[in-house]
N, C-alpha and C. Protein backbone atom coordinates (compact mmCIF):
# COMPACT_ATOMS: atom_id res chain seq x y z
N MET A 1 1.13 -1.09 0.23
CA MET A 1 0.07 0.16 -0.04
C MET A 1 0.89 1.22 -0.53
N ARG A 2 1.96 1.12 0.68
CA ARG A 2 3.27 2.62 0.75
C ARG A 2 3.46 3.03 -0.57
N ASP A 3 4.02 2.09 -1.43
CA ASP A 3 4.32 2.15 -2.72
C ASP A 3 2.96 2.90 -3.87
N GLU A 4 2.04 2.66 -3.61
CA GLU A 4 0.71 2.39 -4.52
C GLU A 4 -0.01 3.76 -3.76
N ILE A 5 0.27 4.19 -2.76
CA ILE A 5 -0.24 5.32 -1.98
C ILE A 5 -1.52 6.31 -3.13
N ASP A 6 -0.39 6.60 -4.28
CA ASP A 6 -1.19 7.84 -5.03
C ASP A 6 -2.51 7.32 -5.57
N GLN A 7 -2.50 6.07 -5.65
CA GLN A 7 -3.41 5.11 -6.32
C GLN A 7 -4.98 5.58 -5.41
N PHE A 8 -4.34 5.07 -4.34
CA PHE A 8 -5.33 5.59 -3.17
C PHE A 8 -6.19 7.14 -3.22
N GLN A 9 -4.78 7.97 -3.07
CA GLN A 9 -5.41 9.51 -2.96
C GLN A 9 -6.11 9.51 -4.58
N ALA A 10 -5.66 9.22 -5.80
CA ALA A 10 -6.45 9.86 -6.71
C ALA A 10 -8.17 9.52 -6.35
N ARG A 11 -8.46 8.29 -5.69
CA ARG A 11 -9.87 8.05 -5.88
C ARG A 11 -10.11 8.27 -4.18
N ALA A 12 -9.51 9.62 -3.89
CA ALA A 12 -10.16 9.98 -2.31
C ALA A 12 -10.32 9.01 -1.53
N VAL A 13 -9.14 7.69 -1.10
CA VAL A 13 -9.08 6.99 0.09
C VAL A 13 -8.19 7.06 0.61
N GLN A 14 -8.83 7.42 2.28
CA GLN A 14 -7.45 7.25 2.97
C GLN A 14 -6.79 5.95 3.60
N PRO A 15 -6.43 5.14 3.52
CA PRO A 15 -5.70 3.97 4.22
C PRO A 15 -5.04 4.53 5.79
N PHE A 16 -5.50 3.61 6.72
CA PHE A 16 -5.11 3.33 7.43
C PHE A 16 -4.26 2.10 8.01
N GLY A 17 -3.72 2.24 8.90
CA GLY A 17 -2.99 0.41 9.43
C GLY A 17 -3.51 0.61 11.08
N VAL A 18 -3.73 -0.51 11.30
CA VAL A 18 -4.23 -0.83 12.75
C VAL A 18 -3.40 -2.07 13.22
N ASN A 19 -3.56 -1.99 14.54
CA ASN A 19 -2.74 -2.79 14.85
C ASN A 19 -2.66 -2.58 16.66
N PRO A 20 -2.19 -3.24 17.41
CA PRO A 20 -2.41 -3.62 18.87
C PRO A 20 -1.02 -2.75 19.63
N ALA A 21 -0.19 -2.17 18.76
CA ALA A 21 1.14 -1.92 18.93
C ALA A 21 0.60 -0.85 19.73
N GLY A 22 1.79 0.02 20.88
CA GLY A 22 1.17 1.69 20.95
C GLY A 22 1.84 2.85 20.21
N VAL A 23 1.20 3.59 20.66
CA VAL A 23 1.62 5.21 19.39
C VAL A 23 3.16 5.64 19.32
N ALA A 24 3.72 4.90 20.70
CA ALA A 24 5.35 5.50 20.42
C ALA A 24 6.18 4.13 19.72
N SER A 25 5.61 3.07 19.39
CA SER A 25 6.15 1.87 18.79
C SER A 25 5.51 2.08 17.29
N HIS A 26 4.57 2.61 17.20
CA HIS A 26 4.11 3.28 15.94
C HIS A 26 4.52 4.40 15.28
N ALA A 27 5.15 5.44 15.75
CA ALA A 27 5.94 6.46 15.39
C ALA A 27 7.02 6.12 14.78
N LYS A 28 7.79 5.00 15.68
CA LYS A 28 9.15 4.44 15.01
C LYS A 28 8.87 3.57 13.80
N TYR A 29 7.88 2.87 13.75
CA TYR A 29 7.18 2.30 12.80
C TYR A 29 7.53 3.13 11.35
N VAL A 30 6.60 4.32 11.43
CA VAL A 30 6.04 5.13 10.30
C VAL A 30 7.17 5.37 9.75
N ALA A 31 8.32 6.04 10.89
CA ALA A 31 9.20 6.78 10.58
C ALA A 31 10.77 5.56 9.26
N LYS A 32 10.74 4.23 10.41
CA LYS A 32 11.50 3.62 9.45
C LYS A 32 11.06 2.77 8.26
N LEU A 33 9.60 2.70 8.04
CA LEU A 33 9.11 2.25 6.81
C LEU A 33 8.71 2.85 5.91
N ARG A 34 9.09 4.52 6.06
CA ARG A 34 7.97 5.58 5.43
C ARG A 34 6.73 5.24 5.37
N PHE A 35 5.75 5.07 5.94
CA PHE A 35 4.47 4.70 5.65
C PHE A 35 3.54 6.39 5.07
N PRO A 36 3.17 6.18 3.91
CA PRO A 36 2.66 7.66 3.75
C PRO A 36 1.14 7.77 4.20
N PHE A 37 0.69 6.75 5.62
CA PHE A 37 -0.56 6.49 6.03
C PHE A 37 -0.33 6.52 7.57
N PRO A 38 -1.67 7.18 8.74
CA PRO A 38 -1.47 6.70 9.89
C PRO A 38 -1.35 5.39 9.99
N LEU A 39 -0.78 5.11 11.43
CA LEU A 39 -1.13 3.83 12.38
C LEU A 39 -1.74 4.44 13.36
N LEU A 40 -3.37 3.26 13.26
CA LEU A 40 -3.81 3.47 14.70
C LEU A 40 -3.53 2.29 15.47
N SER A 41 -3.58 2.60 16.86
CA SER A 41 -3.54 1.59 18.10
C SER A 41 -4.52 0.98 18.74
N ASP A 42 -4.76 0.01 18.48
CA ASP A 42 -5.49 -1.25 18.90
C ASP A 42 -5.73 -1.95 19.96
N PRO A 43 -5.26 -1.68 21.11
CA PRO A 43 -4.09 -2.34 21.91
C PRO A 43 -5.51 -3.41 22.27
N ASP A 44 -6.80 -3.16 22.75
CA ASP A 44 -7.46 -4.35 23.31
C ASP A 44 -8.19 -5.19 21.99
N ARG A 45 -7.41 -4.57 20.93
CA ARG A 45 -7.93 -5.84 19.65
C ARG A 45 -9.62 -5.11 19.68
N THR A 46 -9.94 -4.59 19.68
CA THR A 46 -11.57 -4.20 19.54
C THR A 46 -11.86 -4.15 18.00
N VAL A 47 -10.75 -3.09 17.75
CA VAL A 47 -11.17 -3.06 16.18
C VAL A 47 -10.76 -3.99 15.49
N ALA A 48 -9.63 -4.85 15.64
CA ALA A 48 -9.28 -6.30 14.38
C ALA A 48 -10.43 -7.31 15.05
N ASP A 49 -11.33 -7.34 16.39
CA ASP A 49 -12.06 -8.63 16.58
C ASP A 49 -13.42 -7.82 16.31
N ALA A 50 -13.91 -6.91 16.11
CA ALA A 50 -15.32 -6.07 15.01
C ALA A 50 -15.14 -6.62 13.45
N PHE A 51 -13.67 -6.67 13.47
CA PHE A 51 -13.89 -6.81 11.64
C PHE A 51 -12.95 -8.12 11.06
N GLY A 52 -13.17 -9.05 12.52
CA GLY A 52 -12.93 -10.61 11.89
C GLY A 52 -11.66 -11.05 11.72
N ALA A 53 -10.79 -9.88 12.58
CA ALA A 53 -9.05 -10.09 11.67
C ALA A 53 -8.41 -11.03 12.79
N LEU A 54 -9.23 -11.26 14.17
CA LEU A 54 -8.40 -11.88 15.52
C LEU A 54 -7.72 -13.52 14.54
N LYS A 55 -6.72 -14.10 14.94
CA LYS A 55 -6.48 -15.29 14.71
C LYS A 55 -7.88 -16.01 15.94
N PRO A 56 -8.22 -17.51 15.94
CA PRO A 56 -8.71 -18.39 16.44
C PRO A 56 -8.44 -18.20 18.12
N ALA A 57 -7.48 -18.11 18.42
CA ALA A 57 -7.04 -17.70 19.97
C ALA A 57 -7.37 -16.82 20.49
N GLY A 58 -7.30 -15.58 19.61
CA GLY A 58 -7.91 -14.16 20.12
C GLY A 58 -6.69 -12.96 20.70
N ARG A 59 -5.64 -13.74 19.88
CA ARG A 59 -4.43 -12.43 20.36
C ARG A 59 -4.03 -12.00 19.30
N ASN A 60 -3.53 -12.95 18.40
CA ASN A 60 -2.90 -12.63 17.08
C ASN A 60 -3.96 -12.26 16.08
N ILE A 61 -3.30 -11.16 15.39
CA ILE A 61 -4.08 -10.67 14.15
C ILE A 61 -3.68 -10.85 12.65
N ARG A 62 -4.67 -11.44 11.84
CA ARG A 62 -4.26 -11.79 10.38
C ARG A 62 -4.98 -10.50 10.04
N ARG A 63 -3.48 -10.52 8.95
CA ARG A 63 -3.22 -9.65 8.05
C ARG A 63 -4.89 -9.26 7.23
N SER A 64 -5.47 -7.92 7.43
CA SER A 64 -6.92 -7.89 6.69
C SER A 64 -6.86 -6.57 6.01
N VAL A 65 -7.68 -6.71 4.37
CA VAL A 65 -7.94 -5.02 4.06
C VAL A 65 -9.33 -5.11 4.13
N VAL A 66 -9.85 -4.08 4.80
CA VAL A 66 -11.38 -3.52 4.76
C VAL A 66 -11.86 -2.38 4.38
N LEU A 67 -11.86 -2.20 2.99
CA LEU A 67 -12.24 -0.19 3.01
C LEU A 67 -13.72 -0.18 2.98
N ILE A 68 -14.04 1.01 4.04
CA ILE A 68 -15.24 1.18 4.31
C ILE A 68 -15.87 2.54 3.72
N GLY A 69 -17.20 2.60 3.17
CA GLY A 69 -17.51 3.87 2.58
C GLY A 69 -17.63 4.93 2.98
N ARG A 70 -17.65 6.02 2.84
CA ARG A 70 -18.31 7.25 3.54
C ARG A 70 -19.32 6.72 4.28
N ASP A 71 -20.44 6.51 3.78
CA ASP A 71 -21.51 5.74 4.50
C ASP A 71 -21.64 5.21 5.59
N GLY A 72 -20.57 4.16 5.71
CA GLY A 72 -20.09 3.51 6.65
C GLY A 72 -20.35 1.85 6.60
N ARG A 73 -20.52 1.69 5.08
CA ARG A 73 -20.55 0.35 4.86
C ARG A 73 -19.37 -0.26 4.36
N VAL A 74 -19.07 -1.46 4.89
CA VAL A 74 -17.90 -2.31 4.33
C VAL A 74 -18.21 -2.69 2.81
N LEU A 75 -17.16 -2.01 1.75
CA LEU A 75 -17.14 -1.86 0.52
C LEU A 75 -16.35 -3.46 0.18
N PHE A 76 -15.69 -3.71 0.40
CA PHE A 76 -14.06 -4.68 0.29
C PHE A 76 -13.84 -5.13 1.82
N ALA A 77 -13.61 -6.08 1.88
CA ALA A 77 -13.04 -7.11 2.99
C ALA A 77 -12.56 -8.58 2.65
N GLU A 78 -10.61 -8.68 2.84
CA GLU A 78 -10.16 -9.55 2.47
C GLU A 78 -9.03 -9.92 3.06
N ARG A 79 -8.77 -11.09 3.84
CA ARG A 79 -7.77 -11.80 4.42
C ARG A 79 -6.08 -11.49 3.59
N GLY A 80 -5.21 -10.87 4.15
CA GLY A 80 -3.90 -11.28 3.09
C GLY A 80 -3.54 -9.47 2.44
N SER A 81 -2.88 -10.25 1.69
CA SER A 81 -2.52 -9.06 0.90
C SER A 81 -2.88 -8.58 -0.54
N PRO A 82 -4.56 -8.54 -0.95
CA PRO A 82 -4.85 -8.24 -2.09
C PRO A 82 -4.33 -7.27 -2.67
N SER A 83 -4.36 -6.89 -3.75
CA SER A 83 -3.89 -6.13 -5.22
C SER A 83 -4.57 -4.67 -4.98
N THR A 84 -3.99 -3.55 -4.86
CA THR A 84 -4.46 -2.08 -5.06
C THR A 84 -5.79 -2.32 -6.08
N GLY A 85 -5.32 -2.83 -6.86
CA GLY A 85 -6.83 -2.85 -8.30
C GLY A 85 -7.87 -3.86 -7.89
N ARG A 86 -7.44 -4.84 -6.98
CA ARG A 86 -8.66 -5.42 -6.47
C ARG A 86 -9.11 -4.94 -5.18
N ILE A 87 -8.98 -4.24 -4.50
CA ILE A 87 -8.91 -3.43 -3.48
C ILE A 87 -9.99 -1.98 -3.74
N LEU A 88 -9.42 -1.22 -5.26
CA LEU A 88 -10.05 -0.26 -5.71
C LEU A 88 -11.46 -0.29 -6.53
N ALA A 89 -11.01 -1.58 -6.96
CA ALA A 89 -12.52 -2.11 -7.91
C ALA A 89 -13.76 -2.51 -7.22
N ALA A 90 -13.75 -2.73 -5.54
CA ALA A 90 -15.04 -2.65 -5.09
C ALA A 90 -15.30 -0.87 -5.01
N LEU A 91 -15.48 0.61 -5.07
CA LEU A 91 -15.35 1.55 -5.17
C LEU A 91 -16.40 1.79 -6.75
N VAL A 92 -16.14 0.71 -7.54
CA VAL A 92 -16.66 1.05 -8.71
C VAL A 92 -18.19 -0.11 -8.46
N GLU A 93 -18.64 -1.23 -7.86
CA GLU A 93 -19.63 -2.10 -8.00
C GLU A 93 -20.39 -1.51 -7.19
């Protein structure tokens, strides 16, 4: 997603990363990997649980991509690392 940020911005899509790490850890991670989008802290895994991204034991998180429309509807949801084209195609369906 980092390398394709211009495609998301052209479609007015704001990417976010969400994981249980703390804010200070996120700041270091963003600087190290040069992420052009914010990381949000989910220490209680509430967001991960709400989107079905918790692994069965309930502690570890499965990489997932969720695209939410301005009206709050989930437009796209997939585990793993789907392509940018696959994600953005959900905007025209």
